[in-house]
Amino acid sequence: MFLKKILFIFILTFFISSCAAVSEKAAKKADKENAYLSTFLSKPSFNLSQTFGKPTQILTENNQTIHLYEIKGKVFDCQRKFTIDNKNIVTGFVSTCWD
């Protein structure tokens, strides 16, 4: 019985530490993605087209244009949304991509 408790604690500790490692790696990749996409802020939307090509969709909300890029990945798909003001300047972004 004592051995089962020790084994259970060991396995639980292993799973918790594994989850923390995965979470840390995901946070680092998200930070890298955000740093990269931040380089497009306050620049003309033309730079987006040069880098990512034609947007998958172009939406309009609250007098702003949103360029949506859908990226098909090996494991999962992701999206990058860029908010563009009426002067064609990138004012914001949201991304579900990590690389």
N, C-alpha and C. Protein backbone atom coordinates (compact mmCIF):
# COMPACT_ATOMS: atom_id res chain seq x y z
N MET A 1 0.82 -1.20 0.00
CA MET A 1 0.00 0.00 0.00
C MET A 1 0.87 1.26 0.00
N PHE A 2 1.92 1.25 0.81
CA PHE A 2 2.82 2.38 0.89
C PHE A 2 3.51 2.61 -0.46
N LEU A 3 3.88 1.52 -1.13
CA LEU A 3 4.53 1.60 -2.43
C LEU A 3 3.59 2.22 -3.48
N LYS A 4 2.30 1.91 -3.41
CA LYS A 4 1.32 2.48 -4.34
C LYS A 4 1.22 3.99 -4.15
N LYS A 5 1.26 4.44 -2.90
CA LYS A 5 1.18 5.87 -2.62
C LYS A 5 2.41 6.59 -3.17
N ILE A 6 3.57 6.00 -2.97
CA ILE A 6 4.81 6.60 -3.47
C ILE A 6 4.77 6.66 -5.00
N LEU A 7 4.34 5.61 -5.64
CA LEU A 7 4.24 5.56 -7.09
C LEU A 7 3.24 6.60 -7.59
N PHE A 8 2.10 6.72 -6.93
CA PHE A 8 1.09 7.70 -7.31
C PHE A 8 1.65 9.13 -7.21
N ILE A 9 2.34 9.41 -6.14
CA ILE A 9 2.93 10.75 -5.95
C ILE A 9 3.98 11.02 -7.03
N PHE A 10 4.79 10.04 -7.34
CA PHE A 10 5.80 10.19 -8.38
C PHE A 10 5.17 10.49 -9.74
N ILE A 11 4.15 9.73 -10.10
CA ILE A 11 3.48 9.93 -11.38
C ILE A 11 2.79 11.29 -11.43
N LEU A 12 2.15 11.68 -10.37
CA LEU A 12 1.48 12.98 -10.30
C LEU A 12 2.50 14.11 -10.46
N THR A 13 3.60 14.00 -9.79
CA THR A 13 4.65 15.02 -9.89
C THR A 13 5.18 15.11 -11.32
N PHE A 14 5.36 13.95 -11.95
CA PHE A 14 5.84 13.93 -13.33
C PHE A 14 4.87 14.65 -14.26
N PHE A 15 3.57 14.38 -14.15
CA PHE A 15 2.59 15.01 -15.02
C PHE A 15 2.51 16.51 -14.79
N ILE A 16 2.58 16.94 -13.55
CA ILE A 16 2.52 18.37 -13.25
C ILE A 16 3.72 19.09 -13.83
N SER A 17 4.91 18.52 -13.68
CA SER A 17 6.10 19.17 -14.21
C SER A 17 6.09 19.17 -15.74
N SER A 18 5.55 18.13 -16.36
CA SER A 18 5.44 18.09 -17.82
C SER A 18 4.51 19.18 -18.34
N CYS A 19 3.40 19.38 -17.67
CA CYS A 19 2.45 20.42 -18.06
C CYS A 19 3.08 21.80 -17.95
N ALA A 20 3.85 22.02 -16.90
CA ALA A 20 4.52 23.31 -16.71
C ALA A 20 5.53 23.55 -17.82
N ALA A 21 6.25 22.52 -18.23
CA ALA A 21 7.24 22.66 -19.31
C ALA A 21 6.57 23.00 -20.63
N VAL A 22 5.47 22.34 -20.94
CA VAL A 22 4.74 22.61 -22.18
C VAL A 22 4.17 24.02 -22.16
N SER A 23 3.63 24.43 -21.04
CA SER A 23 3.08 25.76 -20.90
C SER A 23 4.16 26.83 -21.10
N GLU A 24 5.32 26.60 -20.56
CA GLU A 24 6.43 27.55 -20.69
C GLU A 24 6.88 27.65 -22.15
N LYS A 25 6.97 26.53 -22.84
CA LYS A 25 7.36 26.55 -24.25
C LYS A 25 6.33 27.28 -25.10
N ALA A 26 5.06 27.05 -24.81
CA ALA A 26 3.99 27.72 -25.56
C ALA A 26 4.04 29.23 -25.34
N ALA A 27 4.29 29.65 -24.11
CA ALA A 27 4.38 31.08 -23.81
C ALA A 27 5.55 31.72 -24.55
N LYS A 28 6.67 31.02 -24.63
CA LYS A 28 7.84 31.56 -25.35
C LYS A 28 7.54 31.71 -26.84
N LYS A 29 6.88 30.71 -27.42
CA LYS A 29 6.54 30.79 -28.84
C LYS A 29 5.53 31.90 -29.11
N ALA A 30 4.57 32.08 -28.20
CA ALA A 30 3.58 33.16 -28.36
C ALA A 30 4.26 34.52 -28.25
N ASP A 31 5.20 34.66 -27.34
CA ASP A 31 5.95 35.92 -27.21
C ASP A 31 6.74 36.21 -28.47
N LYS A 32 7.33 35.18 -29.06
CA LYS A 32 8.10 35.34 -30.29
C LYS A 32 7.18 35.79 -31.43
N GLU A 33 6.01 35.18 -31.53
CA GLU A 33 5.02 35.55 -32.55
C GLU A 33 4.57 36.99 -32.37
N ASN A 34 4.27 37.38 -31.14
CA ASN A 34 3.83 38.76 -30.87
C ASN A 34 4.92 39.77 -31.19
N ALA A 35 6.16 39.44 -30.87
CA ALA A 35 7.27 40.35 -31.19
C ALA A 35 7.40 40.53 -32.70
N TYR A 36 7.26 39.43 -33.44
CA TYR A 36 7.35 39.50 -34.89
C TYR A 36 6.21 40.33 -35.48
N LEU A 37 4.99 40.07 -35.05
CA LEU A 37 3.84 40.79 -35.60
C LEU A 37 3.84 42.26 -35.18
N SER A 38 4.45 42.58 -34.07
CA SER A 38 4.54 43.97 -33.62
C SER A 38 5.34 44.83 -34.59
N THR A 39 6.21 44.21 -35.37
CA THR A 39 7.01 44.97 -36.34
C THR A 39 6.14 45.57 -37.44
N PHE A 40 4.92 45.06 -37.61
CA PHE A 40 4.01 45.58 -38.63
C PHE A 40 3.17 46.75 -38.12
N LEU A 41 3.13 46.96 -36.81
CA LEU A 41 2.32 48.04 -36.25
C LEU A 41 2.82 49.40 -36.72
N SER A 42 1.89 50.30 -36.94
CA SER A 42 2.15 51.68 -37.38
C SER A 42 2.83 51.75 -38.74
N LYS A 43 2.69 50.70 -39.53
CA LYS A 43 3.26 50.68 -40.88
C LYS A 43 2.13 50.46 -41.88
N PRO A 44 2.36 50.79 -43.14
CA PRO A 44 1.31 50.62 -44.16
C PRO A 44 0.91 49.15 -44.32
N SER A 45 -0.37 48.94 -44.62
CA SER A 45 -0.88 47.58 -44.79
C SER A 45 -0.24 46.89 -45.99
N PHE A 46 0.37 47.64 -46.87
CA PHE A 46 1.07 47.07 -48.02
C PHE A 46 2.15 46.08 -47.55
N ASN A 47 2.77 46.34 -46.41
CA ASN A 47 3.80 45.44 -45.87
C ASN A 47 3.22 44.06 -45.56
N LEU A 48 1.96 44.03 -45.12
CA LEU A 48 1.31 42.74 -44.85
C LEU A 48 1.18 41.93 -46.13
N SER A 49 0.75 42.59 -47.19
CA SER A 49 0.56 41.90 -48.46
C SER A 49 1.89 41.38 -49.00
N GLN A 50 2.94 42.14 -48.83
CA GLN A 50 4.26 41.69 -49.28
C GLN A 50 4.73 40.47 -48.50
N THR A 51 4.43 40.45 -47.22
CA THR A 51 4.93 39.38 -46.36
C THR A 51 4.04 38.15 -46.38
N PHE A 52 2.73 38.34 -46.23
CA PHE A 52 1.80 37.22 -46.08
C PHE A 52 0.98 36.93 -47.33
N GLY A 53 1.07 37.78 -48.33
CA GLY A 53 0.26 37.59 -49.53
C GLY A 53 -1.13 38.18 -49.37
N LYS A 54 -2.03 37.69 -50.19
CA LYS A 54 -3.41 38.18 -50.17
C LYS A 54 -4.14 37.64 -48.93
N PRO A 55 -4.88 38.51 -48.22
CA PRO A 55 -5.62 38.03 -47.04
C PRO A 55 -6.69 37.01 -47.43
N THR A 56 -6.94 36.08 -46.53
CA THR A 56 -8.00 35.09 -46.74
C THR A 56 -9.36 35.78 -46.78
N GLN A 57 -9.55 36.76 -45.88
CA GLN A 57 -10.79 37.54 -45.82
C GLN A 57 -10.43 38.97 -45.48
N ILE A 58 -11.28 39.89 -45.94
CA ILE A 58 -11.18 41.30 -45.55
C ILE A 58 -12.54 41.68 -44.97
N LEU A 59 -12.54 42.08 -43.71
CA LEU A 59 -13.77 42.42 -42.99
C LEU A 59 -13.76 43.90 -42.65
N THR A 60 -14.93 44.47 -42.38
CA THR A 60 -15.03 45.86 -41.95
C THR A 60 -15.82 45.90 -40.65
N GLU A 61 -15.23 46.54 -39.64
CA GLU A 61 -15.88 46.71 -38.33
C GLU A 61 -15.50 48.08 -37.77
N ASN A 62 -16.49 48.83 -37.33
CA ASN A 62 -16.26 50.11 -36.64
C ASN A 62 -15.28 51.03 -37.40
N ASN A 63 -15.54 51.24 -38.67
CA ASN A 63 -14.71 52.10 -39.52
C ASN A 63 -13.27 51.64 -39.63
N GLN A 64 -13.03 50.37 -39.40
CA GLN A 64 -11.69 49.82 -39.56
C GLN A 64 -11.79 48.56 -40.43
N THR A 65 -10.72 48.28 -41.12
CA THR A 65 -10.66 47.09 -41.95
C THR A 65 -9.85 46.04 -41.22
N ILE A 66 -10.27 44.79 -41.33
CA ILE A 66 -9.55 43.68 -40.71
C ILE A 66 -9.10 42.73 -41.81
N HIS A 67 -7.80 42.52 -41.88
CA HIS A 67 -7.25 41.54 -42.82
C HIS A 67 -7.04 40.25 -42.04
N LEU A 68 -7.68 39.20 -42.51
CA LEU A 68 -7.61 37.90 -41.86
C LEU A 68 -6.78 36.96 -42.72
N TYR A 69 -5.73 36.42 -42.12
CA TYR A 69 -4.88 35.44 -42.79
C TYR A 69 -5.05 34.11 -42.08
N GLU A 70 -5.50 33.10 -42.81
CA GLU A 70 -5.62 31.75 -42.25
C GLU A 70 -4.43 30.94 -42.72
N ILE A 71 -3.73 30.33 -41.80
CA ILE A 71 -2.53 29.56 -42.10
C ILE A 71 -2.81 28.10 -41.81
N LYS A 72 -2.60 27.27 -42.82
CA LYS A 72 -2.78 25.83 -42.66
C LYS A 72 -1.47 25.25 -42.16
N GLY A 73 -1.50 24.64 -40.98
CA GLY A 73 -0.31 24.06 -40.39
C GLY A 73 -0.28 22.56 -40.52
N LYS A 74 0.86 21.99 -40.14
CA LYS A 74 1.00 20.54 -40.16
C LYS A 74 0.16 19.89 -39.07
N VAL A 75 0.15 20.53 -37.90
CA VAL A 75 -0.56 19.96 -36.76
C VAL A 75 -1.92 20.65 -36.57
N PHE A 76 -1.95 21.98 -36.66
CA PHE A 76 -3.19 22.71 -36.47
C PHE A 76 -3.18 23.96 -37.34
N ASP A 77 -4.36 24.51 -37.60
CA ASP A 77 -4.50 25.73 -38.37
C ASP A 77 -4.55 26.92 -37.41
N CYS A 78 -4.16 28.08 -37.93
CA CYS A 78 -4.19 29.27 -37.07
C CYS A 78 -4.61 30.48 -37.90
N GLN A 79 -4.84 31.59 -37.20
CA GLN A 79 -5.27 32.84 -37.83
C GLN A 79 -4.44 34.01 -37.32
N ARG A 80 -4.22 34.94 -38.22
CA ARG A 80 -3.65 36.24 -37.86
C ARG A 80 -4.62 37.30 -38.36
N LYS A 81 -5.06 38.16 -37.45
CA LYS A 81 -5.97 39.25 -37.81
C LYS A 81 -5.25 40.57 -37.57
N PHE A 82 -5.26 41.42 -38.58
CA PHE A 82 -4.65 42.74 -38.47
C PHE A 82 -5.72 43.80 -38.64
N THR A 83 -5.75 44.76 -37.73
CA THR A 83 -6.67 45.88 -37.81
C THR A 83 -5.99 47.02 -38.55
N ILE A 84 -6.69 47.59 -39.52
CA ILE A 84 -6.12 48.64 -40.36
C ILE A 84 -7.06 49.84 -40.34
N ASP A 85 -6.49 51.02 -40.09
CA ASP A 85 -7.33 52.22 -40.01
C ASP A 85 -7.62 52.75 -41.42
N ASN A 86 -8.34 53.89 -41.48
CA ASN A 86 -8.76 54.43 -42.77
C ASN A 86 -7.61 55.04 -43.58
N LYS A 87 -6.42 55.12 -42.98
CA LYS A 87 -5.23 55.61 -43.70
C LYS A 87 -4.35 54.44 -44.16
N ASN A 88 -4.89 53.23 -44.07
CA ASN A 88 -4.17 52.00 -44.43
C ASN A 88 -2.93 51.73 -43.57
N ILE A 89 -3.02 52.10 -42.30
CA ILE A 89 -1.94 51.85 -41.35
C ILE A 89 -2.39 50.73 -40.41
N VAL A 90 -1.50 49.79 -40.14
CA VAL A 90 -1.80 48.67 -39.24
C VAL A 90 -1.83 49.21 -37.81
N THR A 91 -2.96 49.00 -37.12
CA THR A 91 -3.11 49.53 -35.77
C THR A 91 -3.18 48.46 -34.69
N GLY A 92 -3.33 47.20 -35.08
CA GLY A 92 -3.41 46.14 -34.08
C GLY A 92 -3.41 44.76 -34.73
N PHE A 93 -3.26 43.75 -33.91
CA PHE A 93 -3.29 42.38 -34.42
C PHE A 93 -3.71 41.42 -33.32
N VAL A 94 -4.20 40.26 -33.75
CA VAL A 94 -4.51 39.14 -32.87
C VAL A 94 -4.04 37.90 -33.61
N SER A 95 -3.37 37.00 -32.91
CA SER A 95 -2.85 35.82 -33.57
C SER A 95 -3.07 34.58 -32.72
N THR A 96 -3.40 33.48 -33.40
CA THR A 96 -3.47 32.19 -32.72
C THR A 96 -2.31 31.30 -33.19
N CYS A 97 -1.35 31.91 -33.89
CA CYS A 97 -0.19 31.17 -34.38
C CYS A 97 0.96 31.26 -33.39
N TRP A 98 1.82 30.27 -33.44
CA TRP A 98 2.97 30.27 -32.54
C TRP A 98 4.29 30.41 -33.25
N ASP A 99 4.29 30.20 -34.53
CA ASP A 99 5.56 30.32 -35.29
C ASP A 99 5.34 31.07 -36.56
